[in-house]
Structures are given as C-alpha cells and as structure tokens.
Amino acid sequence: MSTSALREQAKAVIDNLSRDQLRVASEFLAFVKSRELDSATLELLSIPGFEASFARGIRDIKVRRTKPWRVVRRRKVRFDA
C-alpha cells in the first residue's frame, strides 16, 4: 500500500473516532514520532563500539565516576597534525 493510501486510510479512521479515542490516538502518534531515529542518531549508532562506550559512560555518571567540567576544560590539549 502506498504512503498516500495509508494516510488516507488513517485520516478516515481518525475522522470516526470519539473525543477520548482521538486523544489516545494523538498521544500514540506523538509517541511513535518521538521514537523516530534521526540521521545524527543513526550516524552515532554506526560507529563501532559506540553503544558499549555510551552505556559505560551512563554507568560512570550513575556511580559518580566523573570529573567536574571545569577541571576538564582547564586541561591543555595538544592536537598534533
């Protein structure tokens, strides 16, 4: 079924919903839209080891195994080309 046909079918269903059903449907559609992965997320997920590294970072934050940002900011970093 084409995208336009799916939209028409969904609109026909929406037009026949009660107020309460429409509220639930609207909330569900907002949830579905919020779960959509954008290109930046897909790019991050394509980096080998990113998910494991991210999970490790979240664990470090939870157990307070972090450094204050001011300390990190003051460090002088050399970038050799």
PDB file of N, CA and C in Angstrom:
ATOM      1  N   MET A   1       0.855  -1.182   0.000  1.00  0.00           N
ATOM      2  CA  MET A   1       0.000   0.000   0.000  1.00  0.00           C
ATOM      3  C   MET A   1       0.896   1.239   0.000  1.00  0.00           C
ATOM      4  N   SER A   2       0.546   2.216  -0.801  1.00  0.00           N
ATOM      5  CA  SER A   2       1.365   3.425  -0.919  1.00  0.00           C
ATOM      6  C   SER A   2       1.212   4.313   0.322  1.00  0.00           C
ATOM      7  N   THR A   3       2.153   5.218   0.473  1.00  0.00           N
ATOM      8  CA  THR A   3       2.116   6.147   1.600  1.00  0.00           C
ATOM      9  C   THR A   3       0.860   7.005   1.563  1.00  0.00           C
ATOM     10  N   SER A   4       0.503   7.487   0.399  1.00  0.00           N
ATOM     11  CA  SER A   4      -0.693   8.339   0.308  1.00  0.00           C
ATOM     12  C   SER A   4      -1.954   7.543   0.643  1.00  0.00           C
ATOM     13  N   ALA A   5      -2.014   6.286   0.234  1.00  0.00           N
ATOM     14  CA  ALA A   5      -3.175   5.452   0.566  1.00  0.00           C
ATOM     15  C   ALA A   5      -3.242   5.186   2.067  1.00  0.00           C
ATOM     16  N   LEU A   6      -2.086   4.964   2.682  1.00  0.00           N
ATOM     17  CA  LEU A   6      -2.051   4.763   4.138  1.00  0.00           C
ATOM     18  C   LEU A   6      -2.511   6.018   4.878  1.00  0.00           C
ATOM     19  N   ARG A   7      -2.073   7.193   4.398  1.00  0.00           N
ATOM     20  CA  ARG A   7      -2.507   8.447   5.025  1.00  0.00           C
ATOM     21  C   ARG A   7      -4.014   8.633   4.914  1.00  0.00           C
ATOM     22  N   GLU A   8      -4.552   8.347   3.751  1.00  0.00           N
ATOM     23  CA  GLU A   8      -5.996   8.485   3.548  1.00  0.00           C
ATOM     24  C   GLU A   8      -6.769   7.530   4.457  1.00  0.00           C
ATOM     25  N   GLN A   9      -6.270   6.304   4.572  1.00  0.00           N
ATOM     26  CA  GLN A   9      -6.922   5.320   5.427  1.00  0.00           C
ATOM     27  C   GLN A   9      -6.870   5.766   6.889  1.00  0.00           C
ATOM     28  N   ALA A  10      -5.710   6.262   7.332  1.00  0.00           N
ATOM     29  CA  ALA A  10      -5.569   6.727   8.710  1.00  0.00           C
ATOM     30  C   ALA A  10      -6.485   7.924   8.972  1.00  0.00           C
ATOM     31  N   LYS A  11      -6.575   8.853   8.025  1.00  0.00           N
ATOM     32  CA  LYS A  11      -7.444  10.025   8.186  1.00  0.00           C
ATOM     33  C   LYS A  11      -8.908   9.610   8.280  1.00  0.00           C
ATOM     34  N   ALA A  12      -9.302   8.606   7.507  1.00  0.00           N
ATOM     35  CA  ALA A  12     -10.690   8.127   7.561  1.00  0.00           C
ATOM     36  C   ALA A  12     -10.995   7.539   8.929  1.00  0.00           C
ATOM     37  N   VAL A  13     -10.040   6.798   9.488  1.00  0.00           N
ATOM     38  CA  VAL A  13     -10.236   6.230  10.830  1.00  0.00           C
ATOM     39  C   VAL A  13     -10.299   7.350  11.863  1.00  0.00           C
ATOM     40  N   ILE A  14      -9.396   8.305  11.766  1.00  0.00           N
ATOM     41  CA  ILE A  14      -9.347   9.418  12.713  1.00  0.00           C
ATOM     42  C   ILE A  14     -10.656  10.207  12.696  1.00  0.00           C
ATOM     43  N   ASP A  15     -11.199  10.419  11.518  1.00  0.00           N
ATOM     44  CA  ASP A  15     -12.451  11.176  11.402  1.00  0.00           C
ATOM     45  C   ASP A  15     -13.622  10.503  12.111  1.00  0.00           C
ATOM     46  N   ASN A  16     -13.527   9.215  12.376  1.00  0.00           N
ATOM     47  CA  ASN A  16     -14.622   8.482  13.017  1.00  0.00           C
ATOM     48  C   ASN A  16     -14.362   8.145  14.483  1.00  0.00           C
ATOM     49  N   LEU A  17     -13.335   8.734  15.065  1.00  0.00           N
ATOM     50  CA  LEU A  17     -13.031   8.474  16.476  1.00  0.00           C
ATOM     51  C   LEU A  17     -13.796   9.417  17.394  1.00  0.00           C
ATOM     52  N   SER A  18     -14.104   8.911  18.585  1.00  0.00           N
ATOM     53  CA  SER A  18     -14.711   9.777  19.606  1.00  0.00           C
ATOM     54  C   SER A  18     -13.620  10.704  20.139  1.00  0.00           C
ATOM     55  N   ARG A  19     -14.016  11.678  20.937  1.00  0.00           N
ATOM     56  CA  ARG A  19     -13.058  12.632  21.507  1.00  0.00           C
ATOM     57  C   ARG A  19     -11.989  11.913  22.330  1.00  0.00           C
ATOM     58  N   ASP A  20     -12.406  10.980  23.180  1.00  0.00           N
ATOM     59  CA  ASP A  20     -11.444  10.248  24.010  1.00  0.00           C
ATOM     60  C   ASP A  20     -10.529   9.371  23.164  1.00  0.00           C
ATOM     61  N   GLN A  21     -11.091   8.700  22.165  1.00  0.00           N
ATOM     62  CA  GLN A  21     -10.282   7.872  21.281  1.00  0.00           C
ATOM     63  C   GLN A  21      -9.297   8.734  20.491  1.00  0.00           C
ATOM     64  N   LEU A  22      -9.730   9.893  20.091  1.00  0.00           N
ATOM     65  CA  LEU A  22      -8.871  10.807  19.342  1.00  0.00           C
ATOM     66  C   LEU A  22      -7.695  11.276  20.197  1.00  0.00           C
ATOM     67  N   ARG A  23      -7.958  11.532  21.466  1.00  0.00           N
ATOM     68  CA  ARG A  23      -6.884  11.936  22.383  1.00  0.00           C
ATOM     69  C   ARG A  23      -5.844  10.830  22.501  1.00  0.00           C
ATOM     70  N   VAL A  24      -6.297   9.596  22.684  1.00  0.00           N
ATOM     71  CA  VAL A  24      -5.382   8.461  22.805  1.00  0.00           C
ATOM     72  C   VAL A  24      -4.596   8.274  21.508  1.00  0.00           C
ATOM     73  N   ALA A  25      -5.280   8.359  20.381  1.00  0.00           N
ATOM     74  CA  ALA A  25      -4.621   8.205  19.087  1.00  0.00           C
ATOM     75  C   ALA A  25      -3.571   9.287  18.881  1.00  0.00           C
ATOM     76  N   SER A  26      -3.896  10.502  19.262  1.00  0.00           N
ATOM     77  CA  SER A  26      -2.959  11.615  19.118  1.00  0.00           C
ATOM     78  C   SER A  26      -1.715  11.393  19.974  1.00  0.00           C
ATOM     79  N   GLU A  27      -1.916  10.944  21.208  1.00  0.00           N
ATOM     80  CA  GLU A  27      -0.779  10.668  22.086  1.00  0.00           C
ATOM     81  C   GLU A  27       0.077   9.535  21.528  1.00  0.00           C
ATOM     82  N   PHE A  28      -0.577   8.513  20.990  1.00  0.00           N
ATOM     83  CA  PHE A  28       0.164   7.396  20.411  1.00  0.00           C
ATOM     84  C   PHE A  28       0.987   7.842  19.206  1.00  0.00           C
ATOM     85  N   LEU A  29       0.391   8.643  18.335  1.00  0.00           N
ATOM     86  CA  LEU A  29       1.112   9.122  17.161  1.00  0.00           C
ATOM     87  C   LEU A  29       2.296   9.997  17.562  1.00  0.00           C
ATOM     88  N   ALA A  30       2.125  10.813  18.599  1.00  0.00           N
ATOM     89  CA  ALA A  30       3.235  11.636  19.093  1.00  0.00           C
ATOM     90  C   ALA A  30       4.356  10.740  19.622  1.00  0.00           C
ATOM     91  N   PHE A  31       3.985   9.665  20.312  1.00  0.00           N
ATOM     92  CA  PHE A  31       4.980   8.718  20.817  1.00  0.00           C
ATOM     93  C   PHE A  31       5.735   8.063  19.663  1.00  0.00           C
ATOM     94  N   VAL A  32       5.010   7.605  18.659  1.00  0.00           N
ATOM     95  CA  VAL A  32       5.635   6.960  17.504  1.00  0.00           C
ATOM     96  C   VAL A  32       6.603   7.925  16.825  1.00  0.00           C
ATOM     97  N   LYS A  33       6.198   9.167  16.663  1.00  0.00           N
ATOM     98  CA  LYS A  33       7.050  10.174  16.021  1.00  0.00           C
ATOM     99  C   LYS A  33       8.312  10.432  16.854  1.00  0.00           C
ATOM    100  N   SER A  34       8.173  10.472  18.176  1.00  0.00           N
ATOM    101  CA  SER A  34       9.330  10.749  19.037  1.00  0.00           C
ATOM    102  C   SER A  34      10.347   9.615  19.015  1.00  0.00           C
ATOM    103  N   ARG A  35       9.909   8.413  18.676  1.00  0.00           N
ATOM    104  CA  ARG A  35      10.798   7.260  18.627  1.00  0.00           C
ATOM    105  C   ARG A  35      11.550   7.160  17.305  1.00  0.00           C
ATOM    106  N   GLU A  36      11.235   8.022  16.367  1.00  0.00           N
ATOM    107  CA  GLU A  36      11.882   8.001  15.057  1.00  0.00           C
ATOM    108  C   GLU A  36      13.358   8.361  15.214  1.00  0.00           C
ATOM    109  N   LEU A  37      14.210   7.577  14.601  1.00  0.00           N
ATOM    110  CA  LEU A  37      15.637   7.854  14.674  1.00  0.00           C
ATOM    111  C   LEU A  37      16.012   8.874  13.609  1.00  0.00           C
ATOM    112  N   ASP A  38      16.705   9.916  14.034  1.00  0.00           N
ATOM    113  CA  ASP A  38      17.138  10.902  13.058  1.00  0.00           C
ATOM    114  C   ASP A  38      18.519  10.528  12.511  1.00  0.00           C
ATOM    115  N   SER A  39      18.971  11.253  11.538  1.00  0.00           N
ATOM    116  CA  SER A  39      20.235  10.910  10.865  1.00  0.00           C
ATOM    117  C   SER A  39      21.430  10.997  11.818  1.00  0.00           C
ATOM    118  N   ALA A  40      21.408  11.934  12.757  1.00  0.00           N
ATOM    119  CA  ALA A  40      22.525  12.056  13.704  1.00  0.00           C
ATOM    120  C   ALA A  40      22.600  10.824  14.606  1.00  0.00           C
ATOM    121  N   THR A  41      21.446  10.338  15.059  1.00  0.00           N
ATOM    122  CA  THR A  41      21.421   9.139  15.896  1.00  0.00           C
ATOM    123  C   THR A  41      21.924   7.941  15.110  1.00  0.00           C
ATOM    124  N   LEU A  42      21.471   7.801  13.880  1.00  0.00           N
ATOM    125  CA  LEU A  42      21.921   6.693  13.047  1.00  0.00           C
ATOM    126  C   LEU A  42      23.430   6.747  12.810  1.00  0.00           C
ATOM    127  N   GLU A  43      23.958   7.962  12.652  1.00  0.00           N
ATOM    128  CA  GLU A  43      25.398   8.115  12.452  1.00  0.00           C
ATOM    129  C   GLU A  43      26.167   7.656  13.691  1.00  0.00           C
ATOM    130  N   LEU A  44      25.697   8.051  14.867  1.00  0.00           N
ATOM    131  CA  LEU A  44      26.359   7.624  16.101  1.00  0.00           C
ATOM    132  C   LEU A  44      26.298   6.111  16.267  1.00  0.00           C
ATOM    133  N   LEU A  45      25.143   5.530  15.993  1.00  0.00           N
ATOM    134  CA  LEU A  45      24.987   4.092  16.145  1.00  0.00           C
ATOM    135  C   LEU A  45      25.830   3.299  15.154  1.00  0.00           C
ATOM    136  N   SER A  46      26.267   3.942  14.076  1.00  0.00           N
ATOM    137  CA  SER A  46      27.097   3.248  13.089  1.00  0.00           C
ATOM    138  C   SER A  46      28.572   3.219  13.497  1.00  0.00           C
ATOM    139  N   ILE A  47      28.962   3.955  14.524  1.00  0.00           N
ATOM    140  CA  ILE A  47      30.348   3.976  14.988  1.00  0.00           C
ATOM    141  C   ILE A  47      30.611   2.690  15.773  1.00  0.00           C
ATOM    142  N   PRO A  48      31.623   1.908  15.367  1.00  0.00           N
ATOM    143  CA  PRO A  48      31.918   0.660  16.085  1.00  0.00           C
ATOM    144  C   PRO A  48      32.225   0.931  17.564  1.00  0.00           C
ATOM    145  N   GLY A  49      31.528   0.226  18.460  1.00  0.00           N
ATOM    146  CA  GLY A  49      31.776   0.352  19.892  1.00  0.00           C
ATOM    147  C   GLY A  49      31.059   1.505  20.564  1.00  0.00           C
ATOM    148  N   PHE A  50      30.311   2.298  19.802  1.00  0.00           N
ATOM    149  CA  PHE A  50      29.670   3.471  20.396  1.00  0.00           C
ATOM    150  C   PHE A  50      28.672   3.098  21.487  1.00  0.00           C
ATOM    151  N   GLU A  51      27.813   2.119  21.214  1.00  0.00           N
ATOM    152  CA  GLU A  51      26.767   1.772  22.183  1.00  0.00           C
ATOM    153  C   GLU A  51      27.365   1.306  23.505  1.00  0.00           C
ATOM    154  N   ALA A  52      28.402   0.483  23.449  1.00  0.00           N
ATOM    155  CA  ALA A  52      29.052  -0.002  24.672  1.00  0.00           C
ATOM    156  C   ALA A  52      29.710   1.152  25.420  1.00  0.00           C
ATOM    157  N   SER A  53      30.353   2.045  24.676  1.00  0.00           N
ATOM    158  CA  SER A  53      31.008   3.197  25.293  1.00  0.00           C
ATOM    159  C   SER A  53      29.995   4.126  25.949  1.00  0.00           C
ATOM    160  N   PHE A  54      28.877   4.334  25.267  1.00  0.00           N
ATOM    161  CA  PHE A  54      27.824   5.193  25.806  1.00  0.00           C
ATOM    162  C   PHE A  54      27.257   4.581  27.090  1.00  0.00           C
ATOM    163  N   ALA A  55      26.992   3.285  27.066  1.00  0.00           N
ATOM    164  CA  ALA A  55      26.466   2.596  28.248  1.00  0.00           C
ATOM    165  C   ALA A  55      27.454   2.701  29.408  1.00  0.00           C
ATOM    166  N   ARG A  56      28.746   2.557  29.113  1.00  0.00           N
ATOM    167  CA  ARG A  56      29.770   2.687  30.154  1.00  0.00           C
ATOM    168  C   ARG A  56      29.759   4.105  30.732  1.00  0.00           C
ATOM    169  N   GLY A  57      29.599   5.095  29.879  1.00  0.00           N
ATOM    170  CA  GLY A  57      29.539   6.479  30.344  1.00  0.00           C
ATOM    171  C   GLY A  57      28.344   6.731  31.251  1.00  0.00           C
ATOM    172  N   ILE A  58      27.196   6.161  30.899  1.00  0.00           N
ATOM    173  CA  ILE A  58      25.999   6.308  31.742  1.00  0.00           C
ATOM    174  C   ILE A  58      26.229   5.660  33.100  1.00  0.00           C
ATOM    175  N   ARG A  59      26.865   4.473  33.097  1.00  0.00           N
ATOM    176  CA  ARG A  59      27.172   3.812  34.392  1.00  0.00           C
ATOM    177  C   ARG A  59      28.125   4.672  35.216  1.00  0.00           C
ATOM    178  N   ASP A  60      29.139   5.256  34.572  1.00  0.00           N
ATOM    179  CA  ASP A  60      30.088   6.121  35.280  1.00  0.00           C
ATOM    180  C   ASP A  60      29.376   7.311  35.918  1.00  0.00           C
ATOM    181  N   ILE A  61      28.442   7.882  35.219  1.00  0.00           N
ATOM    182  CA  ILE A  61      27.687   9.017  35.758  1.00  0.00           C
ATOM    183  C   ILE A  61      26.878   8.582  36.969  1.00  0.00           C
ATOM    184  N   LYS A  62      26.225   7.420  36.877  1.00  0.00           N
ATOM    185  CA  LYS A  62      25.385   6.945  37.977  1.00  0.00           C
ATOM    186  C   LYS A  62      26.174   6.693  39.247  1.00  0.00           C
ATOM    187  N   VAL A  63      27.421   6.217  39.126  1.00  0.00           N
ATOM    188  CA  VAL A  63      28.234   5.938  40.307  1.00  0.00           C
ATOM    189  C   VAL A  63      29.182   7.099  40.631  1.00  0.00           C
ATOM    190  N   ARG A  64      28.950   8.225  39.974  1.00  0.00           N
ATOM    191  CA  ARG A  64      29.722   9.453  40.210  1.00  0.00           C
ATOM    192  C   ARG A  64      31.211   9.281  39.938  1.00  0.00           C
ATOM    193  N   ARG A  65      31.526   8.502  38.914  1.00  0.00           N
ATOM    194  CA  ARG A  65      32.909   8.314  38.487  1.00  0.00           C
ATOM    195  C   ARG A  65      33.156   9.281  37.330  1.00  0.00           C
ATOM    196  N   THR A  66      33.103  10.571  37.656  1.00  0.00           N
ATOM    197  CA  THR A  66      33.258  11.621  36.657  1.00  0.00           C
ATOM    198  C   THR A  66      34.178  12.715  37.178  1.00  0.00           C
ATOM    199  N   LYS A  67      34.527  13.649  36.314  1.00  0.00           N
ATOM    200  CA  LYS A  67      35.327  14.808  36.713  1.00  0.00           C
ATOM    201  C   LYS A  67      34.514  16.069  36.466  1.00  0.00           C
ATOM    202  N   PRO A  68      34.666  17.065  37.320  1.00  0.00           N
ATOM    203  CA  PRO A  68      33.963  18.332  37.086  1.00  0.00           C
ATOM    204  C   PRO A  68      34.370  18.926  35.735  1.00  0.00           C
ATOM    205  N   TRP A  69      33.448  19.508  35.031  1.00  0.00           N
ATOM    206  CA  TRP A  69      33.725  20.040  33.698  1.00  0.00           C
ATOM    207  C   TRP A  69      34.768  21.145  33.734  1.00  0.00           C
ATOM    208  N   ARG A  70      34.840  21.889  34.834  1.00  0.00           N
ATOM    209  CA  ARG A  70      35.834  22.964  34.926  1.00  0.00           C
ATOM    210  C   ARG A  70      37.255  22.396  34.924  1.00  0.00           C
ATOM    211  N   VAL A  71      37.443  21.235  35.553  1.00  0.00           N
ATOM    212  CA  VAL A  71      38.760  20.595  35.570  1.00  0.00           C
ATOM    213  C   VAL A  71      39.124  20.143  34.162  1.00  0.00           C
ATOM    214  N   VAL A  72      38.192  19.533  33.481  1.00  0.00           N
ATOM    215  CA  VAL A  72      38.444  19.053  32.129  1.00  0.00           C
ATOM    216  C   VAL A  72      38.710  20.222  31.189  1.00  0.00           C
ATOM    217  N   ARG A  73      37.957  21.295  31.351  1.00  0.00           N
ATOM    218  CA  ARG A  73      38.097  22.458  30.482  1.00  0.00           C
ATOM    219  C   ARG A  73      39.474  23.094  30.618  1.00  0.00           C
ATOM    220  N   ARG A  74      40.059  23.093  31.824  1.00  0.00           N
ATOM    221  CA  ARG A  74      41.348  23.748  32.060  1.00  0.00           C
ATOM    222  C   ARG A  74      42.527  22.993  31.483  1.00  0.00           C
ATOM    223  N   ARG A  75      42.338  21.712  31.220  1.00  0.00           N
ATOM    224  CA  ARG A  75      43.434  20.925  30.674  1.00  0.00           C
ATOM    225  C   ARG A  75      43.825  21.454  29.304  1.00  0.00           C
ATOM    226  N   LYS A  76      45.124  21.515  29.096  1.00  0.00           N
ATOM    227  CA  LYS A  76      45.605  21.952  27.788  1.00  0.00           C
ATOM    228  C   LYS A  76      45.781  20.711  26.937  1.00  0.00           C
ATOM    229  N   VAL A  77      45.141  20.713  25.824  1.00  0.00           N
ATOM    230  CA  VAL A  77      45.198  19.578  24.923  1.00  0.00           C
ATOM    231  C   VAL A  77      45.980  19.961  23.698  1.00  0.00           C
ATOM    232  N   ARG A  78      46.945  19.115  23.313  1.00  0.00           N
ATOM    233  CA  ARG A  78      47.709  19.346  22.100  1.00  0.00           C
ATOM    234  C   ARG A  78      47.161  18.470  20.999  1.00  0.00           C
ATOM    235  N   PHE A  79      46.916  19.077  19.893  1.00  0.00           N
ATOM    236  CA  PHE A  79      46.469  18.331  18.734  1.00  0.00           C
ATOM    237  C   PHE A  79      47.593  18.371  17.708  1.00  0.00           C
ATOM    238  N   ASP A  80      48.272  17.248  17.553  1.00  0.00           N
ATOM    239  CA  ASP A  80      49.332  17.170  16.560  1.00  0.00           C
ATOM    240  C   ASP A  80      48.739  16.716  15.237  1.00  0.00           C
ATOM    241  N   ALA A  81      49.097  17.389  14.193  1.00  0.00           N
ATOM    242  CA  ALA A  81      48.584  17.030  12.873  1.00  0.00           C
ATOM    243  C   ALA A  81      49.367  15.930  12.241  1.00  0.00           C
TER     244      ALA A  81
END
